[in-house]
Every structure is written in structure tokens, then in C-alpha cells.
């Protein structure tokens, strides 16, 4: 029943993780 809601949450979490990885990459570059 809540599959759509869980999928939306999962996508949001994936997006947050992606942005976090990008932020870490920039932080490592900038030192």
C-alpha cells in the first residue's frame, strides 16, 4: 500500500546521498 511513499522516500535519500558525495568530493579538492 505504501510502496509509492517508500519509493519517494528512497529516491529522496538517494538524492541526499548523491549530493553528500559531491560535497565530500569538493571538500577533499579544496582541502
C-alpha atoms as a PDB file:
ATOM      1  CA  UNK A   1       0.000   0.000   0.000  1.00  0.00           C
ATOM      2  CA  UNK A   2       2.775   2.428   0.927  1.00  0.00           C
ATOM      3  CA  UNK A   3       5.094   1.362  -1.892  1.00  0.00           C
ATOM      4  CA  UNK A   4       4.824   4.711  -3.676  1.00  0.00           C
ATOM      5  CA  UNK A   5       5.587   6.648  -0.484  1.00  0.00           C
ATOM      6  CA  UNK A   6       8.547   4.402   0.332  1.00  0.00           C
ATOM      7  CA  UNK A   7       9.863   4.776  -3.215  1.00  0.00           C
ATOM      8  CA  UNK A   8       9.634   8.570  -2.988  1.00  0.00           C
ATOM      9  CA  UNK A   9      11.473   8.500   0.348  1.00  0.00           C
ATOM     10  CA  UNK A  10      14.110   6.146  -1.066  1.00  0.00           C
ATOM     11  CA  UNK A  11      14.630   8.451  -4.050  1.00  0.00           C
ATOM     12  CA  UNK A  12      14.963  11.429  -1.709  1.00  0.00           C
ATOM     13  CA  UNK A  13      17.531   9.577   0.402  1.00  0.00           C
ATOM     14  CA  UNK A  14      19.468   8.575  -2.729  1.00  0.00           C
ATOM     15  CA  UNK A  15      19.457  12.210  -3.864  1.00  0.00           C
ATOM     16  CA  UNK A  16      20.717  13.348  -0.457  1.00  0.00           C
ATOM     17  CA  UNK A  17      23.492  10.741  -0.537  1.00  0.00           C
ATOM     18  CA  UNK A  18      24.457  11.824  -4.057  1.00  0.00           C
ATOM     19  CA  UNK A  19      24.666  15.471  -3.005  1.00  0.00           C
ATOM     20  CA  UNK A  20      26.622  14.456   0.095  1.00  0.00           C
ATOM     21  CA  UNK A  21      29.146  12.526  -2.012  1.00  0.00           C
ATOM     22  CA  UNK A  22      29.553  15.535  -4.304  1.00  0.00           C
ATOM     23  CA  UNK A  23      30.037  17.793  -1.276  1.00  0.00           C
ATOM     24  CA  UNK A  24      32.703  15.454   0.116  1.00  0.00           C
ATOM     25  CA  UNK A  25      34.493  15.411  -3.240  1.00  0.00           C
ATOM     26  CA  UNK A  26      34.556  19.223  -3.329  1.00  0.00           C
ATOM     27  CA  UNK A  27      35.720  19.359   0.289  1.00  0.00           C
ATOM     28  CA  UNK A  28      38.587  16.967  -0.467  1.00  0.00           C
ATOM     29  CA  UNK A  29      39.582  19.015  -3.533  1.00  0.00           C
ATOM     30  CA  UNK A  30      39.516  22.289  -1.608  1.00  0.00           C
ATOM     31  CA  UNK A  31      41.328  20.712   1.325  1.00  0.00           C
END
